[in-house]
Amino acid sequence: MRFEKLECVVLTHDIGEHGLRAGDLGTVVEVYPEGGVEVEFVRGSGATQVLLTLEEKDVRKIDQNDLLATRRLAKIT
């Protein structure tokens, strides 16, 4: 599955060490030829939560059955 720069994507699994949960929305900021993608996850304020290099299997495209929502971040210790 190929992604485009600036495409919104959905995380497919939790990444607890960064406070991310499956279903969180991110933006692709780089697509690498070997298949990886750089994805930025932001808070509602616009501040970056984390910028991660992920494998394509770690995210999926948004589809017509997705509902966008917000949640409070748990404190990361």
PDB file of N, CA and C in Angstrom:
ATOM      1  N   MET A   1       0.864  -1.178   0.000  1.00  0.00           N
ATOM      2  CA  MET A   1       0.000   0.000   0.000  1.00  0.00           C
ATOM      3  C   MET A   1       0.905   1.234   0.000  1.00  0.00           C
ATOM      4  N   ARG A   2       0.705   2.089  -0.925  1.00  0.00           N
ATOM      5  CA  ARG A   2       1.518   3.304  -1.006  1.00  0.00           C
ATOM      6  C   ARG A   2       0.761   4.487  -0.418  1.00  0.00           C
ATOM      7  N   PHE A   3       1.489   5.321   0.254  1.00  0.00           N
ATOM      8  CA  PHE A   3       0.926   6.529   0.846  1.00  0.00           C
ATOM      9  C   PHE A   3       1.531   7.750   0.176  1.00  0.00           C
ATOM     10  N   GLU A   4       0.842   8.861   0.279  1.00  0.00           N
ATOM     11  CA  GLU A   4       1.291  10.134  -0.287  1.00  0.00           C
ATOM     12  C   GLU A   4       1.708  11.062   0.845  1.00  0.00           C
ATOM     13  N   LYS A   5       2.645  11.951   0.559  1.00  0.00           N
ATOM     14  CA  LYS A   5       2.990  12.981   1.535  1.00  0.00           C
ATOM     15  C   LYS A   5       1.754  13.803   1.854  1.00  0.00           C
ATOM     16  N   LEU A   6       1.600  14.151   3.120  1.00  0.00           N
ATOM     17  CA  LEU A   6       0.504  14.954   3.673  1.00  0.00           C
ATOM     18  C   LEU A   6      -0.830  14.205   3.720  1.00  0.00           C
ATOM     19  N   GLU A   7      -0.813  12.906   3.459  1.00  0.00           N
ATOM     20  CA  GLU A   7      -2.019  12.096   3.575  1.00  0.00           C
ATOM     21  C   GLU A   7      -2.270  11.770   5.053  1.00  0.00           C
ATOM     22  N   CYS A   8      -3.506  11.878   5.488  1.00  0.00           N
ATOM     23  CA  CYS A   8      -3.882  11.486   6.846  1.00  0.00           C
ATOM     24  C   CYS A   8      -4.022   9.975   6.896  1.00  0.00           C
ATOM     25  N   VAL A   9      -3.482   9.375   7.956  1.00  0.00           N
ATOM     26  CA  VAL A   9      -3.523   7.928   8.119  1.00  0.00           C
ATOM     27  C   VAL A   9      -3.952   7.579   9.539  1.00  0.00           C
ATOM     28  N   VAL A  10      -4.336   6.329   9.737  1.00  0.00           N
ATOM     29  CA  VAL A  10      -4.807   5.830  11.026  1.00  0.00           C
ATOM     30  C   VAL A  10      -3.814   4.793  11.542  1.00  0.00           C
ATOM     31  N   LEU A  11      -3.408   4.931  12.800  1.00  0.00           N
ATOM     32  CA  LEU A  11      -2.497   3.980  13.432  1.00  0.00           C
ATOM     33  C   LEU A  11      -3.230   2.659  13.667  1.00  0.00           C
ATOM     34  N   THR A  12      -2.578   1.533  13.358  1.00  0.00           N
ATOM     35  CA  THR A  12      -3.236   0.228  13.457  1.00  0.00           C
ATOM     36  C   THR A  12      -3.021  -0.479  14.796  1.00  0.00           C
ATOM     37  N   HIS A  13      -2.132   0.030  15.643  1.00  0.00           N
ATOM     38  CA  HIS A  13      -1.847  -0.609  16.931  1.00  0.00           C
ATOM     39  C   HIS A  13      -1.344   0.430  17.929  1.00  0.00           C
ATOM     40  N   ASP A  14      -1.424   0.107  19.203  1.00  0.00           N
ATOM     41  CA  ASP A  14      -0.937   1.010  20.248  1.00  0.00           C
ATOM     42  C   ASP A  14       0.584   1.124  20.195  1.00  0.00           C
ATOM     43  N   ILE A  15       1.072   2.315  20.500  1.00  0.00           N
ATOM     44  CA  ILE A  15       2.503   2.538  20.726  1.00  0.00           C
ATOM     45  C   ILE A  15       2.580   3.293  22.049  1.00  0.00           C
ATOM     46  N   GLY A  16       2.487   2.523  23.137  1.00  0.00           N
ATOM     47  CA  GLY A  16       2.353   3.072  24.477  1.00  0.00           C
ATOM     48  C   GLY A  16       3.459   4.002  24.907  1.00  0.00           C
ATOM     49  N   GLU A  17       4.682   3.731  24.493  1.00  0.00           N
ATOM     50  CA  GLU A  17       5.801   4.574  24.927  1.00  0.00           C
ATOM     51  C   GLU A  17       5.714   6.000  24.378  1.00  0.00           C
ATOM     52  N   HIS A  18       4.836   6.202  23.394  1.00  0.00           N
ATOM     53  CA  HIS A  18       4.629   7.543  22.832  1.00  0.00           C
ATOM     54  C   HIS A  18       3.221   8.060  23.088  1.00  0.00           C
ATOM     55  N   GLY A  19       2.446   7.334  23.892  1.00  0.00           N
ATOM     56  CA  GLY A  19       1.097   7.769  24.227  1.00  0.00           C
ATOM     57  C   GLY A  19       0.101   7.605  23.098  1.00  0.00           C
ATOM     58  N   LEU A  20       0.405   6.758  22.132  1.00  0.00           N
ATOM     59  CA  LEU A  20      -0.469   6.564  20.971  1.00  0.00           C
ATOM     60  C   LEU A  20      -1.295   5.294  21.122  1.00  0.00           C
ATOM     61  N   ARG A  21      -2.503   5.343  20.587  1.00  0.00           N
ATOM     62  CA  ARG A  21      -3.399   4.183  20.591  1.00  0.00           C
ATOM     63  C   ARG A  21      -3.860   3.885  19.163  1.00  0.00           C
ATOM     64  N   ALA A  22      -4.193   2.628  18.935  1.00  0.00           N
ATOM     65  CA  ALA A  22      -4.768   2.249  17.642  1.00  0.00           C
ATOM     66  C   ALA A  22      -5.946   3.173  17.359  1.00  0.00           C
ATOM     67  N   GLY A  23      -6.026   3.670  16.147  1.00  0.00           N
ATOM     68  CA  GLY A  23      -7.099   4.580  15.763  1.00  0.00           C
ATOM     69  C   GLY A  23      -6.687   6.038  15.767  1.00  0.00           C
ATOM     70  N   ASP A  24      -5.529   6.357  16.370  1.00  0.00           N
ATOM     71  CA  ASP A  24      -5.069   7.747  16.357  1.00  0.00           C
ATOM     72  C   ASP A  24      -4.741   8.176  14.929  1.00  0.00           C
ATOM     73  N   LEU A  25      -4.992   9.434  14.665  1.00  0.00           N
ATOM     74  CA  LEU A  25      -4.808  10.001  13.336  1.00  0.00           C
ATOM     75  C   LEU A  25      -3.450  10.677  13.234  1.00  0.00           C
ATOM     76  N   GLY A  26      -2.750  10.420  12.144  1.00  0.00           N
ATOM     77  CA  GLY A  26      -1.452  11.049  11.897  1.00  0.00           C
ATOM     78  C   GLY A  26      -1.381  11.533  10.468  1.00  0.00           C
ATOM     79  N   THR A  27      -0.314  12.267  10.171  1.00  0.00           N
ATOM     80  CA  THR A  27      -0.090  12.781   8.817  1.00  0.00           C
ATOM     81  C   THR A  27       1.244  12.285   8.301  1.00  0.00           C
ATOM     82  N   VAL A  28       1.250  11.735   7.102  1.00  0.00           N
ATOM     83  CA  VAL A  28       2.484  11.277   6.470  1.00  0.00           C
ATOM     84  C   VAL A  28       3.284  12.507   6.051  1.00  0.00           C
ATOM     85  N   VAL A  29       4.519  12.605   6.551  1.00  0.00           N
ATOM     86  CA  VAL A  29       5.368  13.745   6.180  1.00  0.00           C
ATOM     87  C   VAL A  29       6.524  13.327   5.271  1.00  0.00           C
ATOM     88  N   GLU A  30       6.756  12.012   5.168  1.00  0.00           N
ATOM     89  CA  GLU A  30       7.774  11.511   4.243  1.00  0.00           C
ATOM     90  C   GLU A  30       7.443  10.076   3.881  1.00  0.00           C
ATOM     91  N   VAL A  31       7.694   9.736   2.636  1.00  0.00           N
ATOM     92  CA  VAL A  31       7.520   8.364   2.147  1.00  0.00           C
ATOM     93  C   VAL A  31       8.888   7.899   1.664  1.00  0.00           C
ATOM     94  N   TYR A  32       9.370   6.792   2.203  1.00  0.00           N
ATOM     95  CA  TYR A  32      10.703   6.294   1.861  1.00  0.00           C
ATOM     96  C   TYR A  32      10.615   5.213   0.789  1.00  0.00           C
ATOM     97  N   PRO A  33      11.585   5.190  -0.128  1.00  0.00           N
ATOM     98  CA  PRO A  33      11.558   4.230  -1.241  1.00  0.00           C
ATOM     99  C   PRO A  33      11.514   2.775  -0.776  1.00  0.00           C
ATOM    100  N   GLU A  34      12.131   2.474   0.359  1.00  0.00           N
ATOM    101  CA  GLU A  34      12.146   1.093   0.856  1.00  0.00           C
ATOM    102  C   GLU A  34      10.863   0.700   1.571  1.00  0.00           C
ATOM    103  N   GLY A  35       9.885   1.617   1.629  1.00  0.00           N
ATOM    104  CA  GLY A  35       8.571   1.270   2.146  1.00  0.00           C
ATOM    105  C   GLY A  35       8.174   1.904   3.459  1.00  0.00           C
ATOM    106  N   GLY A  36       9.082   2.509   4.172  1.00  0.00           N
ATOM    107  CA  GLY A  36       8.724   3.147   5.431  1.00  0.00           C
ATOM    108  C   GLY A  36       8.046   4.490   5.212  1.00  0.00           C
ATOM    109  N   VAL A  37       7.363   4.957   6.248  1.00  0.00           N
ATOM    110  CA  VAL A  37       6.731   6.280   6.210  1.00  0.00           C
ATOM    111  C   VAL A  37       7.040   7.019   7.505  1.00  0.00           C
ATOM    112  N   GLU A  38       7.260   8.307   7.393  1.00  0.00           N
ATOM    113  CA  GLU A  38       7.437   9.181   8.553  1.00  0.00           C
ATOM    114  C   GLU A  38       6.071   9.789   8.825  1.00  0.00           C
ATOM    115  N   VAL A  39       5.573   9.606  10.052  1.00  0.00           N
ATOM    116  CA  VAL A  39       4.231  10.063  10.385  1.00  0.00           C
ATOM    117  C   VAL A  39       4.292  10.975  11.609  1.00  0.00           C
ATOM    118  N   GLU A  40       3.630  12.120  11.502  1.00  0.00           N
ATOM    119  CA  GLU A  40       3.540  13.059  12.617  1.00  0.00           C
ATOM    120  C   GLU A  40       2.173  12.927  13.270  1.00  0.00           C
ATOM    121  N   PHE A  41       2.173  12.792  14.584  1.00  0.00           N
ATOM    122  CA  PHE A  41       0.951  12.761  15.377  1.00  0.00           C
ATOM    123  C   PHE A  41       0.924  14.039  16.195  1.00  0.00           C
ATOM    124  N   VAL A  42      -0.182  14.779  16.121  1.00  0.00           N
ATOM    125  CA  VAL A  42      -0.271  16.062  16.815  1.00  0.00           C
ATOM    126  C   VAL A  42      -1.403  16.072  17.835  1.00  0.00           C
ATOM    127  N   ARG A  43      -1.255  16.959  18.806  1.00  0.00           N
ATOM    128  CA  ARG A  43      -2.298  17.181  19.803  1.00  0.00           C
ATOM    129  C   ARG A  43      -3.316  18.156  19.227  1.00  0.00           C
ATOM    130  N   GLY A  44      -4.441  18.298  19.890  1.00  0.00           N
ATOM    131  CA  GLY A  44      -5.482  19.219  19.445  1.00  0.00           C
ATOM    132  C   GLY A  44      -4.995  20.652  19.351  1.00  0.00           C
ATOM    133  N   SER A  45      -3.975  21.002  20.145  1.00  0.00           N
ATOM    134  CA  SER A  45      -3.413  22.360  20.134  1.00  0.00           C
ATOM    135  C   SER A  45      -2.540  22.609  18.913  1.00  0.00           C
ATOM    136  N   GLY A  46      -2.200  21.534  18.190  1.00  0.00           N
ATOM    137  CA  GLY A  46      -1.306  21.648  17.046  1.00  0.00           C
ATOM    138  C   GLY A  46       0.128  21.288  17.377  1.00  0.00           C
ATOM    139  N   ALA A  47       0.432  21.111  18.673  1.00  0.00           N
ATOM    140  CA  ALA A  47       1.782  20.715  19.084  1.00  0.00           C
ATOM    141  C   ALA A  47       2.039  19.266  18.684  1.00  0.00           C
ATOM    142  N   THR A  48       3.246  18.993  18.239  1.00  0.00           N
ATOM    143  CA  THR A  48       3.597  17.632  17.851  1.00  0.00           C
ATOM    144  C   THR A  48       3.672  16.735  19.079  1.00  0.00           C
ATOM    145  N   GLN A  49       2.961  15.629  19.049  1.00  0.00           N
ATOM    146  CA  GLN A  49       3.065  14.610  20.099  1.00  0.00           C
ATOM    147  C   GLN A  49       4.313  13.778  19.843  1.00  0.00           C
ATOM    148  N   VAL A  50       4.450  13.300  18.605  1.00  0.00           N
ATOM    149  CA  VAL A  50       5.619  12.504  18.239  1.00  0.00           C
ATOM    150  C   VAL A  50       5.706  12.412  16.719  1.00  0.00           C
ATOM    151  N   LEU A  51       6.926  12.293  16.233  1.00  0.00           N
ATOM    152  CA  LEU A  51       7.214  12.069  14.817  1.00  0.00           C
ATOM    153  C   LEU A  51       7.926  10.728  14.749  1.00  0.00           C
ATOM    154  N   LEU A  52       7.334   9.763  14.042  1.00  0.00           N
ATOM    155  CA  LEU A  52       7.871   8.402  14.018  1.00  0.00           C
ATOM    156  C   LEU A  52       8.067   7.887  12.607  1.00  0.00           C
ATOM    157  N   THR A  53       9.115   7.100  12.434  1.00  0.00           N
ATOM    158  CA  THR A  53       9.280   6.337  11.202  1.00  0.00           C
ATOM    159  C   THR A  53       8.624   4.984  11.433  1.00  0.00           C
ATOM    160  N   LEU A  54       7.640   4.666  10.615  1.00  0.00           N
ATOM    161  CA  LEU A  54       6.855   3.445  10.770  1.00  0.00           C
ATOM    162  C   LEU A  54       6.908   2.617   9.495  1.00  0.00           C
ATOM    163  N   GLU A  55       6.551   1.363   9.626  1.00  0.00           N
ATOM    164  CA  GLU A  55       6.374   0.513   8.453  1.00  0.00           C
ATOM    165  C   GLU A  55       4.969   0.761   7.911  1.00  0.00           C
ATOM    166  N   GLU A  56       4.772   0.500   6.647  1.00  0.00           N
ATOM    167  CA  GLU A  56       3.458   0.725   6.043  1.00  0.00           C
ATOM    168  C   GLU A  56       2.360  -0.067   6.740  1.00  0.00           C
ATOM    169  N   LYS A  57       2.683  -1.222   7.303  1.00  0.00           N
ATOM    170  CA  LYS A  57       1.674  -2.039   7.986  1.00  0.00           C
ATOM    171  C   LYS A  57       1.206  -1.398   9.293  1.00  0.00           C
ATOM    172  N   ASP A  58       1.933  -0.416   9.803  1.00  0.00           N
ATOM    173  CA  ASP A  58       1.596   0.232  11.068  1.00  0.00           C
ATOM    174  C   ASP A  58       0.481   1.262  10.937  1.00  0.00           C
ATOM    175  N   VAL A  59       0.172   1.653   9.703  1.00  0.00           N
ATOM    176  CA  VAL A  59      -0.882   2.638   9.462  1.00  0.00           C
ATOM    177  C   VAL A  59      -1.749   2.177   8.300  1.00  0.00           C
ATOM    178  N   ARG A  60      -2.934   2.748   8.220  1.00  0.00           N
ATOM    179  CA  ARG A  60      -3.822   2.451   7.104  1.00  0.00           C
ATOM    180  C   ARG A  60      -4.464   3.743   6.625  1.00  0.00           C
ATOM    181  N   LYS A  61      -5.011   3.675   5.438  1.00  0.00           N
ATOM    182  CA  LYS A  61      -5.719   4.832   4.891  1.00  0.00           C
ATOM    183  C   LYS A  61      -7.038   5.031   5.627  1.00  0.00           C
ATOM    184  N   ILE A  62      -7.485   6.259   5.706  1.00  0.00           N
ATOM    185  CA  ILE A  62      -8.792   6.564   6.271  1.00  0.00           C
ATOM    186  C   ILE A  62      -9.846   6.156   5.252  1.00  0.00           C
ATOM    187  N   ASP A  63     -10.959   5.597   5.726  1.00  0.00           N
ATOM    188  CA  ASP A  63     -12.028   5.274   4.785  1.00  0.00           C
ATOM    189  C   ASP A  63     -13.346   5.893   5.229  1.00  0.00           C
ATOM    190  N   GLN A  64     -14.368   5.709   4.447  1.00  0.00           N
ATOM    191  CA  GLN A  64     -15.660   6.370   4.671  1.00  0.00           C
ATOM    192  C   GLN A  64     -16.363   5.908   5.943  1.00  0.00           C
ATOM    193  N   ASN A  65     -15.915   4.827   6.545  1.00  0.00           N
ATOM    194  CA  ASN A  65     -16.543   4.331   7.766  1.00  0.00           C
ATOM    195  C   ASN A  65     -15.828   4.776   9.038  1.00  0.00           C
ATOM    196  N   ASP A  66     -14.798   5.613   8.908  1.00  0.00           N
ATOM    197  CA  ASP A  66     -14.081   6.114  10.075  1.00  0.00           C
ATOM    198  C   ASP A  66     -14.782   7.330  10.652  1.00  0.00           C
ATOM    199  N   LEU A  67     -14.832   7.378  11.968  1.00  0.00           N
ATOM    200  CA  LEU A  67     -15.385   8.513  12.690  1.00  0.00           C
ATOM    201  C   LEU A  67     -14.250   9.163  13.453  1.00  0.00           C
ATOM    202  N   LEU A  68     -14.054  10.463  13.272  1.00  0.00           N
ATOM    203  CA  LEU A  68     -12.981  11.165  13.973  1.00  0.00           C
ATOM    204  C   LEU A  68     -13.449  11.556  15.365  1.00  0.00           C
ATOM    205  N   ALA A  69     -12.550  11.443  16.343  1.00  0.00           N
ATOM    206  CA  ALA A  69     -12.874  11.762  17.733  1.00  0.00           C
ATOM    207  C   ALA A  69     -11.609  12.265  18.430  1.00  0.00           C
ATOM    208  N   THR A  70     -11.769  12.764  19.642  1.00  0.00           N
ATOM    209  CA  THR A  70     -10.612  13.163  20.446  1.00  0.00           C
ATOM    210  C   THR A  70     -10.609  12.370  21.740  1.00  0.00           C
ATOM    211  N   ARG A  71      -9.457  12.344  22.401  1.00  0.00           N
ATOM    212  CA  ARG A  71      -9.325  11.692  23.702  1.00  0.00           C
ATOM    213  C   ARG A  71      -8.237  12.422  24.478  1.00  0.00           C
ATOM    214  N   ARG A  72      -8.283  12.314  25.784  1.00  0.00           N
ATOM    215  CA  ARG A  72      -7.247  12.893  26.634  1.00  0.00           C
ATOM    216  C   ARG A  72      -6.027  12.004  26.626  1.00  0.00           C
ATOM    217  N   LEU A  73      -4.845  12.618  26.561  1.00  0.00           N
ATOM    218  CA  LEU A  73      -3.618  11.856  26.639  1.00  0.00           C
ATOM    219  C   LEU A  73      -3.346  11.442  28.067  1.00  0.00           C
ATOM    220  N   ALA A  74      -2.899  10.213  28.233  1.00  0.00           N
ATOM    221  CA  ALA A  74      -2.420   9.771  29.543  1.00  0.00           C
ATOM    222  C   ALA A  74      -1.008  10.321  29.711  1.00  0.00           C
ATOM    223  N   LYS A  75      -0.631  10.637  30.927  1.00  0.00           N
ATOM    224  CA  LYS A  75       0.733  11.113  31.181  1.00  0.00           C
ATOM    225  C   LYS A  75       1.698   9.963  30.957  1.00  0.00           C
ATOM    226  N   ILE A  76       2.774  10.256  30.254  1.00  0.00           N
ATOM    227  CA  ILE A  76       3.813   9.255  30.000  1.00  0.00           C
ATOM    228  C   ILE A  76       4.882   9.430  31.061  1.00  0.00           C
ATOM    229  N   THR A  77       5.200   8.353  31.759  1.00  0.00           N
ATOM    230  CA  THR A  77       6.219   8.450  32.806  1.00  0.00           C
ATOM    231  C   THR A  77       7.483   7.760  32.405  1.00  0.00           C
TER     232      THR A  77
END
